Protein backbone atom coordinates (compact mmCIF):
# COMPACT_ATOMS: atom_id res chain seq x y z
CA MET A 1 -56.11 39.38 -28.62
CA SER A 2 -56.80 40.40 -25.04
CA ARG A 3 -53.08 40.27 -24.21
CA GLU A 4 -52.27 42.49 -27.18
CA LYS A 5 -54.82 45.05 -26.05
CA GLU A 6 -53.38 45.00 -22.53
CA ASN A 7 -49.87 45.54 -23.87
CA LYS A 8 -51.03 48.44 -26.03
CA SER A 9 -52.90 50.04 -23.12
CA LYS A 10 -49.78 50.05 -20.95
CA ILE A 11 -47.92 53.34 -21.00
CA LYS A 12 -44.19 52.98 -21.44
CA VAL A 13 -42.20 55.01 -18.91
CA SER A 14 -38.72 56.04 -19.92
CA ALA A 15 -35.74 55.78 -17.61
CA GLY A 16 -35.58 59.58 -17.36
CA ASP A 17 -39.24 59.82 -16.31
CA ARG A 18 -38.75 57.06 -13.75
CA THR A 19 -35.71 58.87 -12.34
CA MET A 20 -37.60 62.15 -12.03
CA GLU A 21 -40.49 60.33 -10.35
CA ILE A 22 -38.13 58.84 -7.76
CA ILE A 23 -36.50 62.23 -7.17
CA CYS A 24 -39.93 63.83 -6.64
CA TYR A 25 -40.90 61.12 -4.16
CA ILE A 26 -37.67 61.70 -2.25
CA ILE A 27 -38.11 65.48 -2.18
CA PHE A 28 -41.74 65.31 -1.05
CA SER A 29 -40.91 62.65 1.53
CA ILE A 30 -38.25 64.94 2.99
CA ALA A 31 -40.68 67.87 2.97
CA ALA A 32 -43.35 65.76 4.69
CA PHE A 33 -40.82 64.64 7.31
CA LEU A 34 -39.78 68.24 7.99
CA CYS A 35 -43.43 69.21 8.48
CA LEU A 36 -44.40 66.28 10.69
CA TYR A 37 -41.25 65.86 12.76
CA PRO A 38 -41.79 68.94 15.04
CA PHE A 39 -45.18 67.56 16.12
CA TYR A 40 -43.73 64.09 16.57
CA TYR A 41 -40.79 65.50 18.54
CA ILE A 42 -43.08 67.36 20.93
CA LEU A 43 -45.29 64.28 21.40
CA ILE A 44 -42.48 61.84 22.22
CA ASN A 45 -40.96 64.31 24.67
CA THR A 46 -44.23 64.54 26.59
CA ILE A 47 -44.31 60.76 27.17
CA SER A 48 -40.61 60.31 27.86
CA ALA A 49 -38.82 60.58 31.21
CA ASN A 50 -38.76 64.25 32.15
CA ASP A 51 -35.09 64.35 33.13
CA ILE A 52 -34.04 62.78 29.82
CA SER A 53 -36.31 65.14 27.89
CA ALA A 54 -34.90 68.17 29.72
CA ARG A 55 -31.38 67.20 28.62
CA GLY A 56 -32.52 67.07 24.98
CA ASP A 57 -31.70 63.37 24.56
CA VAL A 58 -35.10 62.40 23.15
CA LEU A 59 -34.87 62.84 19.38
CA PHE A 60 -36.53 60.00 17.51
CA TRP A 61 -37.88 57.45 20.00
CA PRO A 62 -39.56 57.94 23.39
CA GLN A 63 -37.56 56.77 26.40
CA GLN A 64 -39.06 55.38 29.62
CA ILE A 65 -42.61 55.98 28.44
CA HIS A 66 -45.12 57.38 30.94
CA PHE A 67 -48.27 59.52 30.81
CA HIS A 68 -47.92 61.28 34.15
CA ASN A 69 -47.37 64.64 32.42
CA TYR A 70 -50.88 64.63 30.97
CA ALA A 71 -52.43 63.57 34.26
CA SER A 72 -50.60 66.41 36.01
CA ALA A 73 -51.48 68.93 33.31
CA PHE A 74 -55.20 68.31 33.64
CA ARG A 75 -54.90 68.99 37.37
CA ILE A 76 -53.52 72.50 36.74
CA ASP A 77 -55.93 75.03 38.17
CA GLY A 78 -58.22 76.47 35.51
CA LEU A 79 -57.07 74.30 32.61
CA LEU A 80 -60.34 72.40 32.13
CA ASN A 81 -62.37 75.60 32.38
CA ALA A 82 -60.03 77.24 29.86
CA PHE A 83 -60.58 74.30 27.50
CA LYS A 84 -64.34 74.78 27.83
CA ILE A 85 -64.05 78.51 27.05
CA SER A 86 -61.89 77.82 23.99
CA LEU A 87 -64.30 75.16 22.77
CA MET A 88 -67.30 77.45 23.25
CA ARG A 89 -65.72 80.46 21.54
CA THR A 90 -64.53 78.31 18.66
CA THR A 91 -67.90 76.61 18.14
CA ILE A 92 -70.14 79.66 18.58
CA GLY A 93 -67.75 82.08 16.87
CA THR A 94 -67.26 79.82 13.87
CA ALA A 95 -71.00 79.20 13.44
CA LEU A 96 -71.84 82.91 13.56
CA THR A 97 -68.93 83.87 11.28
CA VAL A 98 -69.88 81.28 8.66
CA PHE A 99 -73.53 82.37 8.71
CA ALA A 100 -72.69 86.09 8.55
CA SER A 101 -70.19 85.57 5.74
CA ALA A 102 -72.63 83.46 3.74
CA PHE A 103 -75.58 85.81 4.21
CA LEU A 104 -73.66 89.04 3.56
CA GLY A 105 -71.83 87.46 0.63
CA PHE A 106 -75.21 86.57 -0.84
CA MET A 107 -76.79 89.97 -0.13
CA PHE A 108 -73.90 91.88 -1.71
CA THR A 109 -74.61 90.07 -4.99
CA GLN A 110 -78.22 91.30 -5.02
CA GLU A 111 -78.58 94.34 -7.25
CA LYS A 112 -81.75 95.44 -5.46
CA MET A 113 -79.90 95.87 -2.15
CA TRP A 114 -79.79 99.55 -1.17
CA LEU A 115 -76.26 101.03 -1.58
CA ARG A 116 -74.74 97.55 -1.67
CA LYS A 117 -71.51 98.70 -3.34
CA LEU A 118 -70.97 101.38 -0.70
CA TRP A 119 -71.48 99.01 2.25
CA TYR A 120 -69.30 96.38 0.61
CA ARG A 121 -66.45 98.82 0.02
CA LEU A 122 -66.68 100.15 3.58
CA ILE A 123 -66.35 96.62 4.96
CA VAL A 124 -63.44 95.76 2.67
CA ALA A 125 -61.69 99.01 3.64
CA THR A 126 -61.35 97.72 7.20
CA MET A 127 -58.83 95.18 5.90
CA TYR A 128 -56.38 98.03 5.28
CA PHE A 129 -57.34 100.74 7.77
CA ASN A 130 -58.19 100.62 11.46
CA ALA A 131 -58.23 103.08 14.33
CA GLY A 132 -55.78 101.16 16.52
CA ILE A 133 -55.88 99.24 19.77
CA ILE A 134 -56.83 102.09 22.12
CA PRO A 135 -59.94 103.26 20.19
CA TRP A 136 -60.90 99.61 19.72
CA PHE A 137 -60.62 98.98 23.46
CA LEU A 138 -62.67 102.09 24.26
CA VAL A 139 -65.41 100.95 21.90
CA MET A 140 -65.41 97.47 23.41
CA LYS A 141 -65.61 98.96 26.90
CA GLN A 142 -68.44 101.28 25.89
CA MET A 143 -70.34 98.26 24.54
CA HIS A 144 -69.79 96.40 27.85
CA LEU A 145 -67.77 93.65 26.16
CA THR A 146 -64.90 93.70 28.67
CA ASN A 147 -65.01 90.69 31.00
CA ASN A 148 -67.80 89.42 28.79
CA PHE A 149 -67.69 86.16 26.83
CA TRP A 150 -69.28 87.87 23.82
CA GLY A 151 -66.20 90.06 23.57
CA TYR A 152 -64.56 87.02 21.96
CA ILE A 153 -67.38 86.46 19.48
CA LEU A 154 -68.92 89.69 18.20
CA PRO A 155 -65.77 91.49 16.88
CA ALA A 156 -64.92 88.50 14.67
CA VAL A 157 -68.37 87.79 13.24
CA VAL A 158 -67.86 89.89 10.09
CA SER A 159 -64.50 89.29 8.45
CA PRO A 160 -63.72 91.20 5.21
CA PHE A 161 -61.51 88.41 3.89
CA ASN A 162 -64.16 85.73 4.47
CA LEU A 163 -66.78 88.03 2.98
CA ILE A 164 -64.75 88.49 -0.21
CA LEU A 165 -64.32 84.73 -0.59
CA THR A 166 -68.01 84.04 -0.04
CA LYS A 167 -69.23 86.84 -2.32
CA THR A 168 -66.94 85.66 -5.12
CA PHE A 169 -68.20 82.11 -4.72
CA VAL A 170 -71.86 83.20 -4.76
CA GLU A 171 -71.22 85.16 -7.97
CA SER A 172 -70.16 81.89 -9.63
CA VAL A 173 -73.56 80.33 -8.92
CA PRO A 174 -75.82 80.46 -12.04
CA LYS A 175 -78.31 83.31 -11.72
CA GLU A 176 -80.95 81.14 -13.35
CA LEU A 177 -81.39 79.27 -10.06
CA GLN A 178 -82.38 82.42 -8.22
CA GLU A 179 -84.51 83.71 -11.10
CA ALA A 180 -86.44 80.45 -11.23
CA ALA A 181 -87.05 80.62 -7.47
CA GLU A 182 -88.23 84.23 -7.74
CA ILE A 183 -90.68 83.28 -10.48
CA ASP A 184 -92.12 80.67 -8.12
CA GLY A 185 -92.62 83.39 -5.51
CA ALA A 186 -89.62 82.70 -3.24
CA GLY A 187 -88.41 85.56 -1.08
CA VAL A 188 -84.86 86.54 -0.19
CA LEU A 189 -84.61 84.30 2.89
CA THR A 190 -86.16 81.35 1.08
CA ILE A 191 -83.67 81.71 -1.77
CA PHE A 192 -80.79 82.02 0.67
CA PHE A 193 -81.64 78.99 2.81
CA ARG A 194 -83.00 76.66 0.12
CA ILE A 195 -81.04 77.62 -2.99
CA ILE A 196 -77.78 79.33 -2.03
CA ILE A 197 -76.65 77.48 1.10
CA PRO A 198 -76.75 73.97 -0.46
CA VAL A 199 -74.65 75.27 -3.38
CA ILE A 200 -72.00 77.21 -1.42
CA LYS A 201 -71.11 74.51 1.14
CA PRO A 202 -67.48 74.31 -0.10
CA ILE A 203 -66.76 77.97 0.61
CA MET A 204 -68.64 77.76 3.91
CA ALA A 205 -66.36 74.91 4.94
CA THR A 206 -63.35 77.00 3.94
CA VAL A 207 -64.55 79.93 6.04
CA ALA A 208 -65.25 77.52 8.91
CA ILE A 209 -61.63 76.33 8.88
CA PHE A 210 -60.24 79.86 8.84
CA SER A 211 -62.56 80.99 11.62
CA ALA A 212 -62.08 77.93 13.82
CA VAL A 213 -58.29 78.14 13.67
CA SER A 214 -58.38 81.88 14.35
CA GLN A 215 -60.73 81.55 17.32
CA TRP A 216 -58.89 78.59 18.82
CA ASN A 217 -55.47 80.24 18.58
CA ALA A 218 -56.53 83.71 19.74
CA PHE A 219 -55.34 85.00 23.09
CA GLN A 220 -54.41 88.66 22.54
CA ASP A 221 -58.02 89.77 23.02
CA THR A 222 -57.88 88.12 26.44
CA LEU A 223 -54.91 90.30 27.35
CA LEU A 224 -56.86 93.43 26.44
CA LEU A 225 -60.41 92.63 27.51
CA MET A 226 -60.45 90.01 30.24
CA THR A 227 -59.41 90.12 33.89
CA ASP A 228 -61.81 87.42 35.06
CA THR A 229 -59.84 84.16 35.22
CA LYS A 230 -63.03 82.19 34.49
CA LEU A 231 -63.02 83.65 30.96
CA TYR A 232 -59.42 82.71 30.14
CA PRO A 233 -59.20 80.48 27.03
CA LEU A 234 -56.82 77.58 26.69
CA GLN A 235 -54.35 79.52 24.55
CA PHE A 236 -54.04 82.21 27.20
CA VAL A 237 -53.40 79.60 29.87
CA LEU A 238 -50.71 78.18 27.58
CA TYR A 239 -49.27 81.67 27.22
CA GLN A 240 -49.16 82.11 30.99
CA TYR A 241 -47.56 78.76 31.68
CA LEU A 242 -44.99 79.17 28.94
CA ASN A 243 -43.92 82.35 30.75
CA GLN A 244 -44.11 80.82 34.20
CA ALA A 245 -42.75 77.34 33.51
CA SER A 246 -39.19 78.31 34.39
CA SER A 247 -40.30 79.52 37.85
CA LEU A 248 -42.56 76.62 38.80
CA ALA A 249 -39.86 74.87 40.78
CA SER A 250 -39.10 77.92 42.93
CA LEU A 251 -42.83 78.52 43.30
CA ALA A 252 -43.20 75.05 44.77
CA GLN A 253 -40.73 75.92 47.52
CA SER A 254 -42.30 79.28 48.44
CA SER A 255 -46.03 78.39 48.28
CA SER A 256 -47.89 75.74 50.14
CA SER A 257 -51.60 76.55 50.00
CA THR A 258 -52.72 79.04 47.33
CA GLN A 259 -50.52 77.53 44.63
CA SER A 260 -50.80 73.91 45.74
CA LEU A 261 -51.80 72.58 42.33
CA ALA A 262 -49.01 74.37 40.51
CA ALA A 263 -46.52 73.29 43.19
CA ALA A 264 -47.55 69.66 42.85
CA ALA A 265 -46.99 69.87 39.10
CA ALA A 266 -43.61 71.55 39.58
CA THR A 267 -42.23 68.77 41.75
CA THR A 268 -42.83 66.16 39.09
CA GLN A 269 -42.35 68.13 35.87
CA THR A 270 -39.63 70.15 34.23
CA THR A 271 -39.86 73.34 32.21
CA THR A 272 -39.64 71.35 28.99
CA SER A 273 -42.33 68.86 29.99
CA VAL A 274 -44.76 71.61 31.04
CA ARG A 275 -44.34 73.50 27.78
CA MET A 276 -44.58 70.50 25.49
CA THR A 277 -47.45 68.81 27.29
CA ILE A 278 -49.67 71.88 27.22
CA THR A 279 -48.67 72.49 23.59
CA VAL A 280 -49.96 69.05 22.62
CA ILE A 281 -53.18 69.59 24.56
CA VAL A 282 -53.76 72.88 22.74
CA VAL A 283 -52.74 71.85 19.22
CA LEU A 284 -54.31 68.39 18.97
CA PRO A 285 -58.03 69.37 19.06
CA ILE A 286 -57.76 71.94 16.27
CA MET A 287 -55.79 69.50 14.11
CA LEU A 288 -58.86 67.26 14.07
CA VAL A 289 -60.82 69.97 12.25
CA TYR A 290 -58.85 69.64 9.00
CA PRO A 291 -59.77 66.04 8.07
CA ILE A 292 -63.47 66.89 8.47
CA PHE A 293 -63.45 69.87 6.07
CA GLN A 294 -60.49 68.97 3.86
CA LYS A 295 -62.57 67.69 0.93
CA TYR A 296 -64.40 71.04 0.74
CA PHE A 297 -61.41 73.24 1.47
CA VAL A 298 -59.51 72.97 -1.83
CA LYS A 299 -62.62 73.35 -3.97
CA GLY A 300 -63.86 76.31 -1.94
CA ILE A 301 -60.62 78.26 -1.91
CA MET A 302 -59.98 77.67 -5.63
CA ILE A 303 -63.43 78.74 -6.81
CA GLY A 304 -63.53 81.61 -4.35
CA ALA A 305 -60.30 82.98 -5.79
CA VAL A 306 -61.23 82.81 -9.48
CA LYS A 307 -62.89 86.23 -9.64
CA GLY A 308 -61.69 89.48 -8.09
């Protein structure tokens, strides 16, 4: 009897369904390969012999493996400090953005908030209209945010897109939770910290991913606001070295003291090795963020997009 039940429980798959399943596996395998291969290509070129890599002969397997490129890259002047700045702006900026998005998203769902619809619409309007770079720079200068670390953080704290996602998610939370807390005498902050935050963790994780990636990859604000080299983030250092990599060899011949670190790197590295090594150093840390928040990301973005 048990065997008969097992046979009945088995689902029969037709030859056509099996063929389509195989075709889907092949298509998605090719798509996955096309997505992963660029990262793999960059990685194997950083650990292969620099002369072979410069000729473009490293395609699928590393050749003459070495790790001297990474040792040389970390000796580049200002790279470690730039990594610290990027890490600080990503951590602090993401934390403040997530908190601001969660709190404002919650407040804009409260009917007793004074002129809440007006403030909400004014914030959302900034997604479509802005004064331009020059007025923005003048405002930042007037607020003393040039050559100031907080110039990286404060302009990105309130994001209209993140606010819309969070507000929509909060609206999906049953109002009975808040009403029950209000009956028990809970205030706005108590409701926010004890009732709302535990419920909206998925959308907070989604906002954290968006903010972290944006902060880590940003470098244009450095071009406009920062002249102090101690405030250069890692992405800006990457931007500089991508522009200067082709001239590192000639720089090694013309400089002996002030550019000693760059000259030492130029004698052992090629343009290709410099670019790819720094690219790996920049990309790898932010890639580690996705596995941490991935389980919340899909749920948060789906629920946050249900309502308009």
